[in-house]
Amino acid sequence: MLGAVVQELGGWWSGVLHPFDSNHLVLMLIVGVLAGIATTQGREPWVGPFAYLVGTFVGIVAAAAGLDLPFLDGAIIAGLVIGVVLMFTPPPRMSAVLPLAAILGGALHGLSYRHDDTSGASTEPVRYVLGFVFTTVLLQAFGAITGSSIGRSVIARRTVAVCAAAATVVVLAV
């Protein structure tokens, strides 16, 4: 249903609404939360989200150039699962792996635009990307604020990790 609305709007609004598609939303929030938790280990909170955006742009460019991965849907699901696993990992280890995981997850997300007929990106690509970046930054900032708030509490981190795992199961089931 959201895809039909996004297709009809086109341009900026398609980009703004695209991240609210189930697996994209969960993945972006997970990256933000992980980035926030990483701040408790002395990492900069923007590294994970920035790596995700860079990876997404690389994936979009690769998709536009014709790169097509036959296992892309499975790889995106694996990215979600890896994000959830990282949430259960102790912060020192998680913060060391986060930039690489974020750039790979972003690249897979960017490649998925090749298969996404409802993105609205083809009609006004620059406005679409600006809208997408706008919402991505907001979602990951929200996640980072949440992650930095819970970063030092093992119980809070586990609770959010369980919620992320449940959200991932729901997204994969739908």
N, C-alpha and C. Protein backbone atom coordinates (compact mmCIF):
# COMPACT_ATOMS: atom_id res chain seq x y z
N MET A 1 0.82 -1.19 0.00
CA MET A 1 0.00 0.00 0.00
C MET A 1 0.86 1.25 0.00
N LEU A 2 1.89 1.31 0.86
CA LEU A 2 2.77 2.46 0.89
C LEU A 2 3.45 2.64 -0.45
N GLY A 3 3.81 1.54 -1.10
CA GLY A 3 4.46 1.62 -2.41
C GLY A 3 3.61 2.35 -3.43
N ALA A 4 2.29 2.11 -3.44
CA ALA A 4 1.40 2.79 -4.38
C ALA A 4 1.36 4.28 -4.11
N VAL A 5 1.33 4.67 -2.84
CA VAL A 5 1.32 6.08 -2.48
C VAL A 5 2.63 6.74 -2.90
N VAL A 6 3.74 6.07 -2.64
CA VAL A 6 5.05 6.61 -2.99
C VAL A 6 5.16 6.77 -4.50
N GLN A 7 4.71 5.80 -5.27
CA GLN A 7 4.75 5.86 -6.73
C GLN A 7 3.96 7.06 -7.23
N GLU A 8 2.80 7.31 -6.65
CA GLU A 8 1.94 8.39 -7.09
C GLU A 8 2.54 9.76 -6.78
N LEU A 9 3.23 9.90 -5.66
CA LEU A 9 3.77 11.20 -5.26
C LEU A 9 4.98 11.60 -6.09
N GLY A 10 5.92 10.69 -6.29
CA GLY A 10 7.12 10.99 -7.05
C GLY A 10 8.06 11.95 -6.35
N GLY A 11 9.29 12.06 -6.86
CA GLY A 11 10.27 13.03 -6.40
C GLY A 11 10.55 13.05 -4.92
N TRP A 12 10.55 14.26 -4.35
CA TRP A 12 10.89 14.50 -2.94
C TRP A 12 10.09 13.61 -2.01
N TRP A 13 8.77 13.61 -2.16
CA TRP A 13 7.93 12.86 -1.22
C TRP A 13 8.13 11.36 -1.34
N SER A 14 8.44 10.88 -2.53
CA SER A 14 8.77 9.46 -2.66
C SER A 14 10.02 9.13 -1.85
N GLY A 15 11.01 10.01 -1.93
CA GLY A 15 12.23 9.81 -1.15
C GLY A 15 11.99 9.91 0.34
N VAL A 16 11.17 10.87 0.76
CA VAL A 16 10.86 11.05 2.18
C VAL A 16 10.15 9.82 2.74
N LEU A 17 9.21 9.27 1.99
CA LEU A 17 8.41 8.15 2.48
C LEU A 17 9.07 6.79 2.30
N HIS A 18 10.00 6.67 1.37
CA HIS A 18 10.59 5.36 1.08
C HIS A 18 11.18 4.67 2.31
N PRO A 19 11.92 5.38 3.18
CA PRO A 19 12.50 4.68 4.34
C PRO A 19 11.48 4.11 5.32
N PHE A 20 10.22 4.48 5.20
CA PHE A 20 9.21 3.93 6.10
C PHE A 20 8.70 2.58 5.64
N ASP A 21 9.23 2.07 4.52
CA ASP A 21 8.93 0.72 4.09
C ASP A 21 9.58 -0.22 5.10
N SER A 22 8.88 -1.21 5.53
CA SER A 22 9.20 -2.06 6.68
C SER A 22 10.67 -2.39 6.91
N ASN A 23 11.32 -3.10 6.01
CA ASN A 23 12.69 -3.52 6.29
C ASN A 23 13.66 -2.34 6.29
N HIS A 24 13.39 -1.32 5.48
CA HIS A 24 14.25 -0.14 5.47
C HIS A 24 14.18 0.59 6.81
N LEU A 25 12.98 0.74 7.32
CA LEU A 25 12.77 1.44 8.59
C LEU A 25 13.49 0.73 9.73
N VAL A 26 13.31 -0.56 9.83
CA VAL A 26 13.95 -1.32 10.91
C VAL A 26 15.47 -1.24 10.79
N LEU A 27 16.00 -1.41 9.58
CA LEU A 27 17.45 -1.37 9.40
C LEU A 27 18.02 0.01 9.75
N MET A 28 17.37 1.08 9.32
CA MET A 28 17.87 2.42 9.61
C MET A 28 17.84 2.73 11.10
N LEU A 29 16.79 2.30 11.77
CA LEU A 29 16.73 2.51 13.22
C LEU A 29 17.80 1.70 13.94
N ILE A 30 18.02 0.48 13.49
CA ILE A 30 19.06 -0.36 14.10
C ILE A 30 20.43 0.29 13.93
N VAL A 31 20.73 0.78 12.73
CA VAL A 31 22.03 1.44 12.51
C VAL A 31 22.17 2.64 13.44
N GLY A 32 21.11 3.43 13.58
CA GLY A 32 21.16 4.58 14.48
C GLY A 32 21.38 4.18 15.93
N VAL A 33 20.65 3.17 16.39
CA VAL A 33 20.80 2.71 17.78
C VAL A 33 22.22 2.20 18.01
N LEU A 34 22.73 1.42 17.07
CA LEU A 34 24.10 0.91 17.21
C LEU A 34 25.10 2.07 17.25
N ALA A 35 24.89 3.08 16.44
CA ALA A 35 25.78 4.25 16.46
C ALA A 35 25.73 4.96 17.80
N GLY A 36 24.53 5.06 18.37
CA GLY A 36 24.39 5.68 19.68
C GLY A 36 25.09 4.88 20.76
N ILE A 37 24.94 3.57 20.71
CA ILE A 37 25.62 2.70 21.69
C ILE A 37 27.13 2.83 21.53
N ALA A 38 27.60 2.96 20.29
CA ALA A 38 29.04 3.09 20.03
C ALA A 38 29.62 4.34 20.67
N THR A 39 28.81 5.38 20.89
CA THR A 39 29.32 6.59 21.53
C THR A 39 29.78 6.30 22.96
N THR A 40 29.22 5.28 23.59
CA THR A 40 29.65 4.94 24.94
C THR A 40 31.05 4.32 24.93
N GLN A 41 31.53 3.96 23.75
CA GLN A 41 32.87 3.39 23.60
C GLN A 41 33.85 4.41 23.02
N GLY A 42 33.43 5.68 23.00
CA GLY A 42 34.29 6.74 22.49
C GLY A 42 34.24 6.93 20.99
N ARG A 43 33.34 6.26 20.32
CA ARG A 43 33.20 6.41 18.88
C ARG A 43 32.33 7.63 18.58
N GLU A 44 32.53 8.22 17.44
CA GLU A 44 31.69 9.33 17.01
C GLU A 44 30.33 8.78 16.59
N PRO A 45 29.24 9.43 16.99
CA PRO A 45 27.91 8.89 16.68
C PRO A 45 27.54 8.95 15.20
N TRP A 46 28.23 9.72 14.42
CA TRP A 46 27.88 9.87 13.01
C TRP A 46 28.54 8.83 12.11
N VAL A 47 29.51 8.08 12.61
CA VAL A 47 30.28 7.17 11.76
C VAL A 47 29.39 6.08 11.15
N GLY A 48 28.59 5.41 11.95
CA GLY A 48 27.71 4.36 11.43
C GLY A 48 26.69 4.89 10.43
N PRO A 49 25.91 5.92 10.80
CA PRO A 49 24.95 6.48 9.84
C PRO A 49 25.61 7.02 8.56
N PHE A 50 26.76 7.67 8.70
CA PHE A 50 27.44 8.19 7.52
C PHE A 50 27.90 7.03 6.62
N ALA A 51 28.43 5.98 7.22
CA ALA A 51 28.85 4.81 6.44
C ALA A 51 27.66 4.19 5.73
N TYR A 52 26.50 4.16 6.40
CA TYR A 52 25.29 3.62 5.78
C TYR A 52 24.89 4.45 4.56
N LEU A 53 24.89 5.79 4.71
CA LEU A 53 24.53 6.65 3.58
C LEU A 53 25.51 6.50 2.42
N VAL A 54 26.81 6.45 2.73
CA VAL A 54 27.81 6.28 1.68
C VAL A 54 27.57 4.94 0.96
N GLY A 55 27.35 3.90 1.73
CA GLY A 55 27.07 2.60 1.13
C GLY A 55 25.83 2.62 0.26
N THR A 56 24.80 3.32 0.72
CA THR A 56 23.56 3.42 -0.07
C THR A 56 23.82 4.11 -1.40
N PHE A 57 24.56 5.21 -1.37
CA PHE A 57 24.88 5.92 -2.61
C PHE A 57 25.70 5.04 -3.55
N VAL A 58 26.66 4.31 -3.01
CA VAL A 58 27.46 3.40 -3.82
C VAL A 58 26.55 2.35 -4.45
N GLY A 59 25.62 1.81 -3.66
CA GLY A 59 24.69 0.81 -4.19
C GLY A 59 23.77 1.37 -5.26
N ILE A 60 23.29 2.61 -5.07
CA ILE A 60 22.42 3.24 -6.08
C ILE A 60 23.18 3.44 -7.38
N VAL A 61 24.42 3.92 -7.28
CA VAL A 61 25.25 4.12 -8.48
C VAL A 61 25.52 2.78 -9.16
N ALA A 62 25.84 1.77 -8.39
CA ALA A 62 26.09 0.44 -8.96
C ALA A 62 24.83 -0.10 -9.64
N ALA A 63 23.68 0.10 -9.02
CA ALA A 63 22.42 -0.36 -9.63
C ALA A 63 22.15 0.40 -10.92
N ALA A 64 22.40 1.71 -10.91
CA ALA A 64 22.19 2.52 -12.12
C ALA A 64 23.14 2.09 -13.24
N ALA A 65 24.33 1.61 -12.86
CA ALA A 65 25.31 1.13 -13.84
C ALA A 65 24.99 -0.27 -14.35
N GLY A 66 23.99 -0.91 -13.74
CA GLY A 66 23.56 -2.21 -14.24
C GLY A 66 23.91 -3.40 -13.37
N LEU A 67 24.55 -3.18 -12.23
CA LEU A 67 24.90 -4.30 -11.35
C LEU A 67 23.62 -4.91 -10.79
N ASP A 68 23.52 -6.21 -10.90
CA ASP A 68 22.35 -6.92 -10.41
C ASP A 68 22.82 -8.18 -9.67
N LEU A 69 22.47 -8.27 -8.41
CA LEU A 69 22.85 -9.45 -7.62
C LEU A 69 21.65 -10.38 -7.51
N PRO A 70 21.82 -11.64 -7.88
CA PRO A 70 20.68 -12.56 -7.86
C PRO A 70 20.19 -12.89 -6.45
N PHE A 71 21.03 -12.72 -5.46
CA PHE A 71 20.69 -13.08 -4.09
C PHE A 71 20.38 -11.85 -3.24
N LEU A 72 19.99 -10.75 -3.86
CA LEU A 72 19.87 -9.47 -3.17
C LEU A 72 18.85 -9.50 -2.03
N ASP A 73 17.68 -10.09 -2.25
CA ASP A 73 16.68 -10.12 -1.17
C ASP A 73 17.20 -10.87 0.05
N GLY A 74 17.85 -11.98 -0.18
CA GLY A 74 18.43 -12.74 0.93
C GLY A 74 19.54 -11.97 1.62
N ALA A 75 20.31 -11.22 0.85
CA ALA A 75 21.39 -10.43 1.44
C ALA A 75 20.83 -9.30 2.31
N ILE A 76 19.74 -8.70 1.89
CA ILE A 76 19.12 -7.63 2.70
C ILE A 76 18.58 -8.22 3.99
N ILE A 77 17.97 -9.38 3.92
CA ILE A 77 17.49 -10.06 5.13
C ILE A 77 18.68 -10.38 6.04
N ALA A 78 19.77 -10.85 5.45
CA ALA A 78 20.97 -11.14 6.23
C ALA A 78 21.49 -9.87 6.90
N GLY A 79 21.40 -8.72 6.22
CA GLY A 79 21.81 -7.45 6.81
C GLY A 79 20.99 -7.10 8.04
N LEU A 80 19.69 -7.34 7.96
CA LEU A 80 18.83 -7.11 9.13
C LEU A 80 19.24 -8.02 10.28
N VAL A 81 19.46 -9.28 9.97
CA VAL A 81 19.84 -10.25 11.01
C VAL A 81 21.19 -9.85 11.62
N ILE A 82 22.14 -9.45 10.79
CA ILE A 82 23.45 -9.02 11.30
C ILE A 82 23.30 -7.81 12.22
N GLY A 83 22.43 -6.87 11.84
CA GLY A 83 22.18 -5.70 12.70
C GLY A 83 21.65 -6.11 14.06
N VAL A 84 20.72 -7.05 14.07
CA VAL A 84 20.16 -7.53 15.35
C VAL A 84 21.24 -8.26 16.15
N VAL A 85 22.03 -9.08 15.50
CA VAL A 85 23.12 -9.79 16.21
C VAL A 85 24.08 -8.78 16.82
N LEU A 86 24.40 -7.72 16.08
CA LEU A 86 25.30 -6.69 16.62
C LEU A 86 24.71 -6.02 17.87
N MET A 87 23.37 -5.94 17.92
CA MET A 87 22.75 -5.34 19.10
C MET A 87 22.95 -6.20 20.34
N PHE A 88 23.13 -7.49 20.17
CA PHE A 88 23.37 -8.40 21.29
C PHE A 88 24.87 -8.54 21.60
N THR A 89 25.72 -7.94 20.77
CA THR A 89 27.17 -8.03 20.94
C THR A 89 27.64 -6.98 21.93
N PRO A 90 28.64 -7.28 22.74
CA PRO A 90 29.17 -6.26 23.67
C PRO A 90 29.62 -5.02 22.91
N PRO A 91 29.35 -3.83 23.46
CA PRO A 91 29.64 -2.58 22.75
C PRO A 91 31.05 -2.44 22.18
N PRO A 92 32.12 -2.86 22.87
CA PRO A 92 33.44 -2.68 22.25
C PRO A 92 33.58 -3.42 20.92
N ARG A 93 33.11 -4.64 20.86
CA ARG A 93 33.18 -5.41 19.62
C ARG A 93 32.25 -4.83 18.56
N MET A 94 31.03 -4.48 19.00
CA MET A 94 30.04 -3.94 18.07
C MET A 94 30.53 -2.66 17.44
N SER A 95 31.10 -1.75 18.22
CA SER A 95 31.51 -0.47 17.68
C SER A 95 32.69 -0.61 16.71
N ALA A 96 33.48 -1.67 16.85
CA ALA A 96 34.59 -1.91 15.93
C ALA A 96 34.08 -2.40 14.57
N VAL A 97 32.99 -3.15 14.56
CA VAL A 97 32.45 -3.75 13.33
C VAL A 97 31.43 -2.85 12.65
N LEU A 98 30.82 -1.92 13.39
CA LEU A 98 29.71 -1.13 12.89
C LEU A 98 29.98 -0.41 11.56
N PRO A 99 31.09 0.29 11.38
CA PRO A 99 31.27 1.01 10.11
C PRO A 99 31.23 0.09 8.89
N LEU A 100 31.89 -1.05 8.97
CA LEU A 100 31.89 -1.99 7.85
C LEU A 100 30.50 -2.57 7.63
N ALA A 101 29.84 -2.98 8.70
CA ALA A 101 28.49 -3.52 8.58
C ALA A 101 27.53 -2.48 8.01
N ALA A 102 27.66 -1.22 8.43
CA ALA A 102 26.77 -0.16 7.94
C ALA A 102 27.00 0.12 6.46
N ILE A 103 28.25 0.15 6.04
CA ILE A 103 28.50 0.44 4.62
C ILE A 103 28.01 -0.71 3.74
N LEU A 104 28.18 -1.95 4.19
CA LEU A 104 27.68 -3.09 3.42
C LEU A 104 26.15 -3.11 3.39
N GLY A 105 25.52 -2.87 4.55
CA GLY A 105 24.05 -2.81 4.59
C GLY A 105 23.51 -1.71 3.71
N GLY A 106 24.17 -0.55 3.74
CA GLY A 106 23.74 0.55 2.88
C GLY A 106 23.89 0.23 1.41
N ALA A 107 25.00 -0.43 1.05
CA ALA A 107 25.22 -0.79 -0.36
C ALA A 107 24.14 -1.76 -0.85
N LEU A 108 23.80 -2.72 -0.02
CA LEU A 108 22.73 -3.67 -0.40
C LEU A 108 21.40 -2.94 -0.54
N HIS A 109 21.15 -2.01 0.37
CA HIS A 109 19.92 -1.22 0.30
C HIS A 109 19.91 -0.41 -0.99
N GLY A 110 21.02 0.22 -1.33
CA GLY A 110 21.09 0.99 -2.57
C GLY A 110 20.89 0.13 -3.81
N LEU A 111 21.46 -1.06 -3.80
CA LEU A 111 21.27 -1.98 -4.93
C LEU A 111 19.81 -2.39 -5.09
N SER A 112 19.08 -2.40 -3.98
CA SER A 112 17.68 -2.83 -4.05
C SER A 112 16.81 -1.87 -4.85
N TYR A 113 17.26 -0.66 -5.09
CA TYR A 113 16.46 0.27 -5.88
C TYR A 113 16.29 -0.21 -7.30
N ARG A 114 17.20 -1.03 -7.78
CA ARG A 114 17.08 -1.60 -9.13
C ARG A 114 15.83 -2.46 -9.24
N HIS A 115 15.45 -3.10 -8.14
CA HIS A 115 14.29 -4.00 -8.14
C HIS A 115 13.03 -3.32 -7.62
N ASP A 116 13.14 -2.08 -7.19
CA ASP A 116 12.02 -1.40 -6.54
C ASP A 116 11.28 -0.53 -7.54
N ASP A 117 10.20 -1.06 -8.12
CA ASP A 117 9.42 -0.32 -9.11
C ASP A 117 8.60 0.80 -8.50
N THR A 118 8.43 0.80 -7.18
CA THR A 118 7.55 1.78 -6.54
C THR A 118 8.31 2.93 -5.91
N SER A 119 9.60 3.03 -6.15
CA SER A 119 10.38 4.05 -5.46
C SER A 119 10.09 5.46 -5.94
N GLY A 120 9.68 5.64 -7.16
CA GLY A 120 9.46 6.98 -7.68
C GLY A 120 10.77 7.69 -8.01
N ALA A 121 11.88 6.99 -7.92
CA ALA A 121 13.19 7.60 -8.13
C ALA A 121 13.45 7.92 -9.59
N SER A 122 12.82 7.20 -10.49
CA SER A 122 13.13 7.38 -11.91
C SER A 122 12.60 8.69 -12.47
N THR A 123 11.56 9.27 -11.87
CA THR A 123 10.97 10.49 -12.42
C THR A 123 11.75 11.73 -12.03
N GLU A 124 12.20 11.83 -10.81
CA GLU A 124 12.95 12.99 -10.32
C GLU A 124 14.05 12.48 -9.37
N PRO A 125 15.13 11.94 -9.92
CA PRO A 125 16.11 11.26 -9.07
C PRO A 125 16.79 12.15 -8.02
N VAL A 126 17.12 13.39 -8.36
CA VAL A 126 17.82 14.24 -7.39
C VAL A 126 16.90 14.58 -6.22
N ARG A 127 15.67 14.95 -6.51
CA ARG A 127 14.73 15.28 -5.44
C ARG A 127 14.41 14.04 -4.61
N TYR A 128 14.31 12.91 -5.28
CA TYR A 128 14.07 11.66 -4.56
C TYR A 128 15.19 11.38 -3.56
N VAL A 129 16.44 11.48 -4.02
CA VAL A 129 17.59 11.20 -3.16
C VAL A 129 17.63 12.19 -2.00
N LEU A 130 17.35 13.47 -2.26
CA LEU A 130 17.33 14.46 -1.18
C LEU A 130 16.26 14.12 -0.14
N GLY A 131 15.09 13.70 -0.58
CA GLY A 131 14.04 13.29 0.35
C GLY A 131 14.43 12.06 1.14
N PHE A 132 15.04 11.11 0.46
CA PHE A 132 15.50 9.88 1.12
C PHE A 132 16.55 10.21 2.18
N VAL A 133 17.52 11.06 1.83
CA VAL A 133 18.58 11.43 2.78
C VAL A 133 17.97 12.15 3.98
N PHE A 134 17.03 13.03 3.73
CA PHE A 134 16.36 13.77 4.81
C PHE A 134 15.77 12.80 5.84
N THR A 135 14.96 11.85 5.38
CA THR A 135 14.31 10.92 6.30
C THR A 135 15.32 9.96 6.93
N THR A 136 16.30 9.53 6.17
CA THR A 136 17.32 8.64 6.71
C THR A 136 18.06 9.30 7.86
N VAL A 137 18.43 10.56 7.68
CA VAL A 137 19.14 11.28 8.74
C VAL A 137 18.25 11.41 9.98
N LEU A 138 16.97 11.73 9.79
CA LEU A 138 16.06 11.83 10.94
C LEU A 138 15.92 10.50 11.67
N LEU A 139 15.71 9.43 10.93
CA LEU A 139 15.53 8.11 11.55
C LEU A 139 16.79 7.67 12.29
N GLN A 140 17.95 7.87 11.66
CA GLN A 140 19.18 7.44 12.30
C GLN A 140 19.55 8.34 13.48
N ALA A 141 19.18 9.62 13.41
CA ALA A 141 19.41 10.51 14.56
C ALA A 141 18.54 10.06 15.74
N PHE A 142 17.28 9.72 15.46
CA PHE A 142 16.40 9.21 16.51
C PHE A 142 16.99 7.94 17.12
N GLY A 143 17.45 7.04 16.27
CA GLY A 143 18.06 5.80 16.75
C GLY A 143 19.32 6.08 17.57
N ALA A 144 20.14 7.04 17.12
CA ALA A 144 21.38 7.36 17.83
C ALA A 144 21.09 7.97 19.20
N ILE A 145 20.06 8.80 19.28
CA ILE A 145 19.68 9.37 20.58
C ILE A 145 19.24 8.25 21.52
N THR A 146 18.44 7.34 20.99
CA THR A 146 18.00 6.19 21.78
C THR A 146 19.20 5.34 22.20
N GLY A 147 20.09 5.05 21.26
CA GLY A 147 21.26 4.23 21.56
C GLY A 147 22.18 4.85 22.58
N SER A 148 22.40 6.17 22.49
CA SER A 148 23.28 6.81 23.46
C SER A 148 22.62 6.87 24.84
N SER A 149 21.29 6.89 24.87
CA SER A 149 20.57 6.90 26.15
C SER A 149 20.65 5.55 26.86
N ILE A 150 20.71 4.48 26.10
CA ILE A 150 20.69 3.14 26.70
C ILE A 150 22.07 2.49 26.72
N GLY A 151 23.06 3.13 26.11
CA GLY A 151 24.36 2.51 25.86
C GLY A 151 25.06 1.91 27.05
N ARG A 152 24.93 2.50 28.22
CA ARG A 152 25.67 2.00 29.39
C ARG A 152 24.86 1.00 30.23
N SER A 153 23.61 0.80 29.88
CA SER A 153 22.76 -0.11 30.64
C SER A 153 22.59 -1.43 29.89
N VAL A 154 23.12 -2.49 30.44
CA VAL A 154 23.01 -3.80 29.80
C VAL A 154 21.54 -4.20 29.65
N ILE A 155 20.74 -3.96 30.66
CA ILE A 155 19.32 -4.34 30.61
C ILE A 155 18.60 -3.56 29.51
N ALA A 156 18.86 -2.26 29.43
CA ALA A 156 18.21 -1.44 28.40
C ALA A 156 18.65 -1.88 27.00
N ARG A 157 19.96 -2.15 26.83
CA ARG A 157 20.45 -2.61 25.53
C ARG A 157 19.79 -3.92 25.14
N ARG A 158 19.68 -4.86 26.09
CA ARG A 158 19.06 -6.15 25.80
C ARG A 158 17.58 -5.98 25.46
N THR A 159 16.90 -5.11 26.16
CA THR A 159 15.48 -4.86 25.89
C THR A 159 15.28 -4.31 24.48
N VAL A 160 16.10 -3.33 24.10
CA VAL A 160 15.99 -2.76 22.76
C VAL A 160 16.40 -3.79 21.71
N ALA A 161 17.40 -4.62 22.01
CA ALA A 161 17.81 -5.67 21.07
C ALA A 161 16.68 -6.68 20.85
N VAL A 162 15.99 -7.05 21.93
CA VAL A 162 14.85 -7.97 21.80
C VAL A 162 13.75 -7.32 20.96
N CYS A 163 13.49 -6.04 21.19
CA CYS A 163 12.48 -5.33 20.38
C CYS A 163 12.89 -5.29 18.91
N ALA A 164 14.18 -5.05 18.64
CA ALA A 164 14.67 -5.04 17.26
C ALA A 164 14.54 -6.42 16.63
N ALA A 165 14.84 -7.45 17.39
CA ALA A 165 14.70 -8.82 16.89
C ALA A 165 13.23 -9.12 16.57
N ALA A 166 12.33 -8.71 17.46
CA ALA A 166 10.90 -8.93 17.22
C ALA A 166 10.44 -8.16 15.98
N ALA A 167 10.89 -6.92 15.83
CA ALA A 167 10.52 -6.12 14.66
C ALA A 167 11.04 -6.77 13.38
N THR A 168 12.24 -7.32 13.44
CA THR A 168 12.81 -8.00 12.27
C THR A 168 11.99 -9.23 11.91
N VAL A 169 11.60 -10.00 12.91
CA VAL A 169 10.76 -11.19 12.65
C VAL A 169 9.44 -10.78 12.02
N VAL A 170 8.82 -9.73 12.53
CA VAL A 170 7.55 -9.25 11.98
C VAL A 170 7.73 -8.80 10.53
N VAL A 171 8.80 -8.03 10.27
CA VAL A 171 9.06 -7.54 8.92
C VAL A 171 9.28 -8.70 7.97
N LEU A 172 10.02 -9.71 8.40
CA LEU A 172 10.30 -10.86 7.53
C LEU A 172 9.07 -11.72 7.32
N ALA A 173 8.15 -11.72 8.29
CA ALA A 173 6.95 -12.53 8.17
C ALA A 173 5.91 -11.90 7.25
N VAL A 174 5.97 -10.60 7.12
CA VAL A 174 4.95 -9.89 6.31
C VAL A 174 5.28 -9.91 4.86
